[in-house]
Amino acid sequence: MATAVRVSEQLINEAKRFSRVDHRSVAGQIEHWARMGKCVEENPDLPYSLIKEILIGLEEIEQGEKTEYVFG
Protein backbone atom coordinates (compact mmCIF):
# COMPACT_ATOMS: atom_id res chain seq x y z
CA MET A 1 0.00 0.00 0.00
CA ALA A 2 1.51 3.31 -1.06
CA THR A 3 1.51 6.24 1.33
CA ALA A 4 2.35 9.84 0.53
CA VAL A 5 5.28 11.19 2.54
CA ARG A 6 6.79 14.68 2.52
CA VAL A 7 10.53 14.76 1.96
CA SER A 8 12.89 17.63 1.32
CA GLU A 9 13.53 18.89 -2.18
CA GLN A 10 17.23 18.21 -1.63
CA LEU A 11 16.52 14.51 -0.97
CA ILE A 12 14.35 14.32 -4.09
CA ASN A 13 17.08 15.91 -6.22
CA GLU A 14 19.72 13.51 -4.87
CA ALA A 15 17.39 10.56 -5.40
CA LYS A 16 16.81 11.64 -9.01
CA ARG A 17 20.54 11.69 -9.65
CA PHE A 18 21.23 8.31 -8.05
CA SER A 19 18.12 6.72 -9.55
CA ARG A 20 19.39 7.41 -13.06
CA VAL A 21 22.69 5.70 -12.30
CA ASP A 22 21.05 2.67 -10.66
CA HIS A 23 18.12 2.50 -13.12
CA ARG A 24 15.48 2.92 -10.41
CA SER A 25 12.50 5.20 -10.07
CA VAL A 26 12.90 8.09 -7.64
CA ALA A 27 10.56 6.32 -5.21
CA GLY A 28 12.50 3.10 -5.72
CA GLN A 29 15.76 4.88 -4.92
CA ILE A 30 14.37 6.33 -1.70
CA GLU A 31 12.97 2.90 -0.74
CA HIS A 32 16.41 1.40 -1.43
CA TRP A 33 18.09 3.96 0.81
CA ALA A 34 15.52 3.34 3.55
CA ARG A 35 15.99 -0.42 3.34
CA MET A 36 19.78 -0.13 3.40
CA GLY A 37 19.67 2.35 6.27
CA LYS A 38 17.45 0.01 8.25
CA CYS A 39 19.80 -2.92 7.62
CA VAL A 40 22.85 -0.86 8.60
CA GLU A 41 21.19 0.29 11.84
CA GLU A 42 20.16 -3.29 12.68
CA ASN A 43 23.69 -4.61 11.93
CA PRO A 44 26.13 -1.90 13.05
CA ASP A 45 29.11 -4.28 13.09
CA LEU A 46 28.75 -5.31 9.43
CA PRO A 47 30.26 -3.22 6.63
CA TYR A 48 27.92 -1.79 4.00
CA SER A 49 29.49 -3.96 1.28
CA LEU A 50 28.69 -7.18 3.18
CA ILE A 51 25.11 -6.10 3.86
CA LYS A 52 24.70 -5.32 0.16
CA GLU A 53 26.06 -8.75 -0.85
CA ILE A 54 23.71 -10.47 1.62
CA LEU A 55 20.71 -8.60 0.18
CA ILE A 56 21.78 -9.48 -3.37
CA GLY A 57 22.05 -13.13 -2.34
CA LEU A 58 18.59 -13.08 -0.78
CA GLU A 59 17.15 -11.55 -3.95
CA GLU A 60 18.86 -14.23 -6.07
CA ILE A 61 17.24 -16.92 -3.90
CA GLU A 62 13.81 -15.25 -4.25
CA GLN A 63 14.24 -15.13 -8.04
CA GLY A 64 15.18 -18.82 -8.13
CA GLU A 65 18.68 -18.07 -9.41
CA LYS A 66 20.40 -19.72 -6.45
CA THR A 67 19.50 -22.26 -3.81
CA GLU A 68 19.83 -21.73 -0.10
CA TYR A 69 22.77 -23.55 1.48
CA VAL A 70 21.65 -26.16 4.00
CA PHE A 71 24.15 -27.03 6.71
CA GLY A 72 24.69 -30.67 7.71
PDB file of N, CA and C in Angstrom:
ATOM      1  N   MET A   1       0.838  -1.170   0.000  1.00  0.00           N
ATOM      2  CA  MET A   1       0.000   0.000   0.000  1.00  0.00           C
ATOM      3  C   MET A   1       0.888   1.241   0.000  1.00  0.00           C
ATOM      4  N   ALA A   2       0.722   2.080  -0.953  1.00  0.00           N
ATOM      5  CA  ALA A   2       1.514   3.306  -1.064  1.00  0.00           C
ATOM      6  C   ALA A   2       0.963   4.374  -0.125  1.00  0.00           C
ATOM      7  N   THR A   3       1.877   5.145   0.445  1.00  0.00           N
ATOM      8  CA  THR A   3       1.514   6.240   1.334  1.00  0.00           C
ATOM      9  C   THR A   3       2.316   7.468   0.931  1.00  0.00           C
ATOM     10  N   ALA A   4       1.655   8.600   0.871  1.00  0.00           N
ATOM     11  CA  ALA A   4       2.350   9.841   0.535  1.00  0.00           C
ATOM     12  C   ALA A   4       3.150  10.311   1.746  1.00  0.00           C
ATOM     13  N   VAL A   5       4.393  10.711   1.491  1.00  0.00           N
ATOM     14  CA  VAL A   5       5.281  11.191   2.544  1.00  0.00           C
ATOM     15  C   VAL A   5       5.959  12.456   2.039  1.00  0.00           C
ATOM     16  N   ARG A   6       6.081  13.454   2.896  1.00  0.00           N
ATOM     17  CA  ARG A   6       6.786  14.679   2.515  1.00  0.00           C
ATOM     18  C   ARG A   6       8.269  14.502   2.796  1.00  0.00           C
ATOM     19  N   VAL A   7       9.069  14.794   1.802  1.00  0.00           N
ATOM     20  CA  VAL A   7      10.525  14.760   1.960  1.00  0.00           C
ATOM     21  C   VAL A   7      11.087  16.053   1.379  1.00  0.00           C
ATOM     22  N   SER A   8      12.294  16.372   1.767  1.00  0.00           N
ATOM     23  CA  SER A   8      12.894  17.628   1.317  1.00  0.00           C
ATOM     24  C   SER A   8      13.180  17.591  -0.184  1.00  0.00           C
ATOM     25  N   GLU A   9      13.205  18.763  -0.760  1.00  0.00           N
ATOM     26  CA  GLU A   9      13.527  18.888  -2.181  1.00  0.00           C
ATOM     27  C   GLU A   9      14.955  18.413  -2.445  1.00  0.00           C
ATOM     28  N   GLN A  10      15.845  18.657  -1.493  1.00  0.00           N
ATOM     29  CA  GLN A  10      17.234  18.209  -1.632  1.00  0.00           C
ATOM     30  C   GLN A  10      17.303  16.681  -1.741  1.00  0.00           C
ATOM     31  N   LEU A  11      16.530  15.979  -0.907  1.00  0.00           N
ATOM     32  CA  LEU A  11      16.518  14.513  -0.968  1.00  0.00           C
ATOM     33  C   LEU A  11      15.972  14.035  -2.310  1.00  0.00           C
ATOM     34  N   ILE A  12      14.923  14.678  -2.783  1.00  0.00           N
ATOM     35  CA  ILE A  12      14.347  14.315  -4.085  1.00  0.00           C
ATOM     36  C   ILE A  12      15.374  14.513  -5.193  1.00  0.00           C
ATOM     37  N   ASN A  13      16.080  15.636  -5.180  1.00  0.00           N
ATOM     38  CA  ASN A  13      17.081  15.905  -6.217  1.00  0.00           C
ATOM     39  C   ASN A  13      18.215  14.888  -6.184  1.00  0.00           C
ATOM     40  N   GLU A  14      18.674  14.527  -4.979  1.00  0.00           N
ATOM     41  CA  GLU A  14      19.723  13.513  -4.872  1.00  0.00           C
ATOM     42  C   GLU A  14      19.209  12.156  -5.340  1.00  0.00           C
ATOM     43  N   ALA A  15      17.978  11.831  -4.977  1.00  0.00           N
ATOM     44  CA  ALA A  15      17.394  10.555  -5.397  1.00  0.00           C
ATOM     45  C   ALA A  15      17.254  10.494  -6.916  1.00  0.00           C
ATOM     46  N   LYS A  16      16.902  11.605  -7.543  1.00  0.00           N
ATOM     47  CA  LYS A  16      16.806  11.638  -9.006  1.00  0.00           C
ATOM     48  C   LYS A  16      18.152  11.310  -9.641  1.00  0.00           C
ATOM     49  N   ARG A  17      19.208  11.910  -9.101  1.00  0.00           N
ATOM     50  CA  ARG A  17      20.543  11.692  -9.650  1.00  0.00           C
ATOM     51  C   ARG A  17      20.967  10.229  -9.488  1.00  0.00           C
ATOM     52  N   PHE A  18      20.825   9.695  -8.296  1.00  0.00           N
ATOM     53  CA  PHE A  18      21.228   8.311  -8.047  1.00  0.00           C
ATOM     54  C   PHE A  18      20.321   7.320  -8.771  1.00  0.00           C
ATOM     55  N   SER A  19      19.046   7.649  -8.902  1.00  0.00           N
ATOM     56  CA  SER A  19      18.115   6.722  -9.551  1.00  0.00           C
ATOM     57  C   SER A  19      18.462   6.522 -11.020  1.00  0.00           C
ATOM     58  N   ARG A  20      18.979   7.553 -11.658  1.00  0.00           N
ATOM     59  CA  ARG A  20      19.395   7.414 -13.060  1.00  0.00           C
ATOM     60  C   ARG A  20      20.569   6.458 -13.184  1.00  0.00           C
ATOM     61  N   VAL A  21      21.506   6.557 -12.268  1.00  0.00           N
ATOM     62  CA  VAL A  21      22.694   5.697 -12.297  1.00  0.00           C
ATOM     63  C   VAL A  21      22.311   4.242 -12.036  1.00  0.00           C
ATOM     64  N   ASP A  22      21.422   4.026 -11.061  1.00  0.00           N
ATOM     65  CA  ASP A  22      21.050   2.667 -10.656  1.00  0.00           C
ATOM     66  C   ASP A  22      19.816   2.139 -11.380  1.00  0.00           C
ATOM     67  N   HIS A  23      19.284   2.908 -12.324  1.00  0.00           N
ATOM     68  CA  HIS A  23      18.119   2.499 -13.118  1.00  0.00           C
ATOM     69  C   HIS A  23      16.924   2.156 -12.228  1.00  0.00           C
ATOM     70  N   ARG A  24      16.632   3.063 -11.294  1.00  0.00           N
ATOM     71  CA  ARG A  24      15.480   2.918 -10.413  1.00  0.00           C
ATOM     72  C   ARG A  24      14.591   4.147 -10.589  1.00  0.00           C
ATOM     73  N   SER A  25      13.350   4.016 -10.155  1.00  0.00           N
ATOM     74  CA  SER A  25      12.504   5.202 -10.066  1.00  0.00           C
ATOM     75  C   SER A  25      12.973   6.016  -8.863  1.00  0.00           C
ATOM     76  N   VAL A  26      12.532   7.259  -8.780  1.00  0.00           N
ATOM     77  CA  VAL A  26      12.903   8.088  -7.638  1.00  0.00           C
ATOM     78  C   VAL A  26      12.369   7.448  -6.352  1.00  0.00           C
ATOM     79  N   ALA A  27      11.123   6.994  -6.383  1.00  0.00           N
ATOM     80  CA  ALA A  27      10.556   6.321  -5.209  1.00  0.00           C
ATOM     81  C   ALA A  27      11.336   5.049  -4.891  1.00  0.00           C
ATOM     82  N   GLY A  28      11.712   4.310  -5.923  1.00  0.00           N
ATOM     83  CA  GLY A  28      12.500   3.098  -5.720  1.00  0.00           C
ATOM     84  C   GLY A  28      13.850   3.389  -5.094  1.00  0.00           C
ATOM     85  N   GLN A  29      14.463   4.504  -5.491  1.00  0.00           N
ATOM     86  CA  GLN A  29      15.759   4.880  -4.921  1.00  0.00           C
ATOM     87  C   GLN A  29      15.618   5.224  -3.443  1.00  0.00           C
ATOM     88  N   ILE A  30      14.580   5.971  -3.103  1.00  0.00           N
ATOM     89  CA  ILE A  30      14.366   6.330  -1.702  1.00  0.00           C
ATOM     90  C   ILE A  30      14.045   5.083  -0.881  1.00  0.00           C
ATOM     91  N   GLU A  31      13.253   4.163  -1.432  1.00  0.00           N
ATOM     92  CA  GLU A  31      12.971   2.902  -0.739  1.00  0.00           C
ATOM     93  C   GLU A  31      14.255   2.098  -0.541  1.00  0.00           C
ATOM     94  N   HIS A  32      15.123   2.098  -1.545  1.00  0.00           N
ATOM     95  CA  HIS A  32      16.408   1.398  -1.434  1.00  0.00           C
ATOM     96  C   HIS A  32      17.229   1.990  -0.297  1.00  0.00           C
ATOM     97  N   TRP A  33      17.335   3.315  -0.262  1.00  0.00           N
ATOM     98  CA  TRP A  33      18.090   3.963   0.807  1.00  0.00           C
ATOM     99  C   TRP A  33      17.488   3.641   2.170  1.00  0.00           C
ATOM    100  N   ALA A  34      16.174   3.640   2.270  1.00  0.00           N
ATOM    101  CA  ALA A  34      15.518   3.343   3.548  1.00  0.00           C
ATOM    102  C   ALA A  34      15.802   1.904   3.972  1.00  0.00           C
ATOM    103  N   ARG A  35      15.725   0.991   3.028  1.00  0.00           N
ATOM    104  CA  ARG A  35      15.986  -0.424   3.336  1.00  0.00           C
ATOM    105  C   ARG A  35      17.433  -0.620   3.776  1.00  0.00           C
ATOM    106  N   MET A  36      18.370  -0.003   3.039  1.00  0.00           N
ATOM    107  CA  MET A  36      19.784  -0.133   3.395  1.00  0.00           C
ATOM    108  C   MET A  36      20.061   0.523   4.750  1.00  0.00           C
ATOM    109  N   GLY A  37      19.481   1.679   4.988  1.00  0.00           N
ATOM    110  CA  GLY A  37      19.672   2.353   6.269  1.00  0.00           C
ATOM    111  C   GLY A  37      19.150   1.521   7.425  1.00  0.00           C
ATOM    112  N   LYS A  38      18.012   0.880   7.225  1.00  0.00           N
ATOM    113  CA  LYS A  38      17.447   0.007   8.254  1.00  0.00           C
ATOM    114  C   LYS A  38      18.378  -1.166   8.518  1.00  0.00           C
ATOM    115  N   CYS A  39      18.885  -1.784   7.468  1.00  0.00           N
ATOM    116  CA  CYS A  39      19.803  -2.917   7.622  1.00  0.00           C
ATOM    117  C   CYS A  39      21.085  -2.502   8.333  1.00  0.00           C
ATOM    118  N   VAL A  40      21.609  -1.337   7.977  1.00  0.00           N
ATOM    119  CA  VAL A  40      22.846  -0.857   8.602  1.00  0.00           C
ATOM    120  C   VAL A  40      22.613  -0.584  10.089  1.00  0.00           C
ATOM    121  N   GLU A  41      21.485   0.023  10.427  1.00  0.00           N
ATOM    122  CA  GLU A  41      21.195   0.287  11.838  1.00  0.00           C
ATOM    123  C   GLU A  41      21.002  -1.005  12.624  1.00  0.00           C
ATOM    124  N   GLU A  42      20.394  -2.014  11.998  1.00  0.00           N
ATOM    125  CA  GLU A  42      20.162  -3.289  12.677  1.00  0.00           C
ATOM    126  C   GLU A  42      21.432  -4.131  12.781  1.00  0.00           C
ATOM    127  N   ASN A  43      22.442  -3.838  11.965  1.00  0.00           N
ATOM    128  CA  ASN A  43      23.687  -4.607  11.931  1.00  0.00           C
ATOM    129  C   ASN A  43      24.883  -3.660  11.949  1.00  0.00           C
ATOM    130  N   PRO A  44      25.084  -2.930  13.036  1.00  0.00           N
ATOM    131  CA  PRO A  44      26.127  -1.902  13.055  1.00  0.00           C
ATOM    132  C   PRO A  44      27.553  -2.441  12.913  1.00  0.00           C
ATOM    133  N   ASP A  45      27.758  -3.718  13.180  1.00  0.00           N
ATOM    134  CA  ASP A  45      29.108  -4.284  13.089  1.00  0.00           C
ATOM    135  C   ASP A  45      29.464  -4.768  11.683  1.00  0.00           C
ATOM    136  N   LEU A  46      28.484  -4.825  10.790  1.00  0.00           N
ATOM    137  CA  LEU A  46      28.747  -5.309   9.431  1.00  0.00           C
ATOM    138  C   LEU A  46      29.028  -4.140   8.492  1.00  0.00           C
ATOM    139  N   PRO A  47      30.008  -4.288   7.605  1.00  0.00           N
ATOM    140  CA  PRO A  47      30.255  -3.225   6.627  1.00  0.00           C
ATOM    141  C   PRO A  47      29.136  -3.177   5.580  1.00  0.00           C
ATOM    142  N   TYR A  48      28.956  -2.000   5.023  1.00  0.00           N
ATOM    143  CA  TYR A  48      27.922  -1.793   3.999  1.00  0.00           C
ATOM    144  C   TYR A  48      28.051  -2.802   2.867  1.00  0.00           C
ATOM    145  N   SER A  49      29.282  -3.053   2.421  1.00  0.00           N
ATOM    146  CA  SER A  49      29.486  -3.956   1.282  1.00  0.00           C
ATOM    147  C   SER A  49      28.984  -5.365   1.589  1.00  0.00           C
ATOM    148  N   LEU A  50      29.165  -5.842   2.817  1.00  0.00           N
ATOM    149  CA  LEU A  50      28.689  -7.176   3.184  1.00  0.00           C
ATOM    150  C   LEU A  50      27.167  -7.207   3.243  1.00  0.00           C
ATOM    151  N   ILE A  51      26.574  -6.171   3.809  1.00  0.00           N
ATOM    152  CA  ILE A  51      25.111  -6.098   3.858  1.00  0.00           C
ATOM    153  C   ILE A  51      24.541  -6.112   2.446  1.00  0.00           C
ATOM    154  N   LYS A  52      25.162  -5.366   1.545  1.00  0.00           N
ATOM    155  CA  LYS A  52      24.696  -5.316   0.156  1.00  0.00           C
ATOM    156  C   LYS A  52      24.793  -6.692  -0.496  1.00  0.00           C
ATOM    157  N   GLU A  53      25.897  -7.404  -0.286  1.00  0.00           N
ATOM    158  CA  GLU A  53      26.058  -8.748  -0.854  1.00  0.00           C
ATOM    159  C   GLU A  53      25.027  -9.721  -0.287  1.00  0.00           C
ATOM    160  N   ILE A  54      24.729  -9.609   1.001  1.00  0.00           N
ATOM    161  CA  ILE A  54      23.710 -10.466   1.617  1.00  0.00           C
ATOM    162  C   ILE A  54      22.355 -10.209   0.973  1.00  0.00           C
ATOM    163  N   LEU A  55      21.997  -8.937   0.793  1.00  0.00           N
ATOM    164  CA  LEU A  55      20.713  -8.599   0.180  1.00  0.00           C
ATOM    165  C   LEU A  55      20.641  -9.068  -1.269  1.00  0.00           C
ATOM    166  N   ILE A  56      21.746  -8.974  -1.994  1.00  0.00           N
ATOM    167  CA  ILE A  56      21.783  -9.479  -3.371  1.00  0.00           C
ATOM    168  C   ILE A  56      21.560 -10.982  -3.367  1.00  0.00           C
ATOM    169  N   GLY A  57      22.216 -11.685  -2.446  1.00  0.00           N
ATOM    170  CA  GLY A  57      22.047 -13.133  -2.339  1.00  0.00           C
ATOM    171  C   GLY A  57      20.613 -13.522  -2.020  1.00  0.00           C
ATOM    172  N   LEU A  58      19.981 -12.793  -1.110  1.00  0.00           N
ATOM    173  CA  LEU A  58      18.586 -13.080  -0.778  1.00  0.00           C
ATOM    174  C   LEU A  58      17.679 -12.864  -1.984  1.00  0.00           C
ATOM    175  N   GLU A  59      17.946 -11.815  -2.743  1.00  0.00           N
ATOM    176  CA  GLU A  59      17.153 -11.546  -3.951  1.00  0.00           C
ATOM    177  C   GLU A  59      17.352 -12.648  -4.986  1.00  0.00           C
ATOM    178  N   GLU A  60      18.584 -13.134  -5.130  1.00  0.00           N
ATOM    179  CA  GLU A  60      18.856 -14.227  -6.070  1.00  0.00           C
ATOM    180  C   GLU A  60      18.094 -15.485  -5.670  1.00  0.00           C
ATOM    181  N   ILE A  61      18.003 -15.758  -4.376  1.00  0.00           N
ATOM    182  CA  ILE A  61      17.240 -16.916  -3.904  1.00  0.00           C
ATOM    183  C   ILE A  61      15.764 -16.731  -4.227  1.00  0.00           C
ATOM    184  N   GLU A  62      15.222 -15.533  -3.961  1.00  0.00           N
ATOM    185  CA  GLU A  62      13.814 -15.254  -4.247  1.00  0.00           C
ATOM    186  C   GLU A  62      13.498 -15.404  -5.727  1.00  0.00           C
ATOM    187  N   GLN A  63      14.446 -15.045  -6.594  1.00  0.00           N
ATOM    188  CA  GLN A  63      14.239 -15.131  -8.036  1.00  0.00           C
ATOM    189  C   GLN A  63      14.508 -16.532  -8.576  1.00  0.00           C
ATOM    190  N   GLY A  64      14.913 -17.455  -7.704  1.00  0.00           N
ATOM    191  CA  GLY A  64      15.180 -18.824  -8.130  1.00  0.00           C
ATOM    192  C   GLY A  64      16.513 -18.995  -8.833  1.00  0.00           C
ATOM    193  N   GLU A  65      17.379 -17.996  -8.745  1.00  0.00           N
ATOM    194  CA  GLU A  65      18.676 -18.068  -9.413  1.00  0.00           C
ATOM    195  C   GLU A  65      19.679 -18.896  -8.621  1.00  0.00           C
ATOM    196  N   LYS A  66      19.496 -18.979  -7.331  1.00  0.00           N
ATOM    197  CA  LYS A  66      20.400 -19.719  -6.449  1.00  0.00           C
ATOM    198  C   LYS A  66      19.554 -20.555  -5.503  1.00  0.00           C
ATOM    199  N   THR A  67      20.187 -21.495  -4.842  1.00  0.00           N
ATOM    200  CA  THR A  67      19.495 -22.259  -3.813  1.00  0.00           C
ATOM    201  C   THR A  67      20.146 -21.972  -2.472  1.00  0.00           C
ATOM    202  N   GLU A  68      19.337 -21.997  -1.440  1.00  0.00           N
ATOM    203  CA  GLU A  68      19.830 -21.725  -0.100  1.00  0.00           C
ATOM    204  C   GLU A  68      20.720 -22.869   0.359  1.00  0.00           C
ATOM    205  N   TYR A  69      21.854 -22.536   0.971  1.00  0.00           N
ATOM    206  CA  TYR A  69      22.770 -23.552   1.478  1.00  0.00           C
ATOM    207  C   TYR A  69      22.186 -24.143   2.753  1.00  0.00           C
ATOM    208  N   VAL A  70      22.154 -25.468   2.820  1.00  0.00           N
ATOM    209  CA  VAL A  70      21.648 -26.161   4.000  1.00  0.00           C
ATOM    210  C   VAL A  70      22.824 -26.813   4.702  1.00  0.00           C
ATOM    211  N   PHE A  71      23.048 -26.460   5.946  1.00  0.00           N
ATOM    212  CA  PHE A  71      24.151 -27.029   6.713  1.00  0.00           C
ATOM    213  C   PHE A  71      23.807 -28.451   7.148  1.00  0.00           C
ATOM    214  N   GLY A  72      24.847 -29.311   7.187  1.00  0.00           N
ATOM    215  CA  GLY A  72      24.691 -30.671   7.710  1.00  0.00           C
ATOM    216  C   GLY A  72      24.170 -31.586   6.746  1.00  0.00           C
TER     217      GLY A  72
END
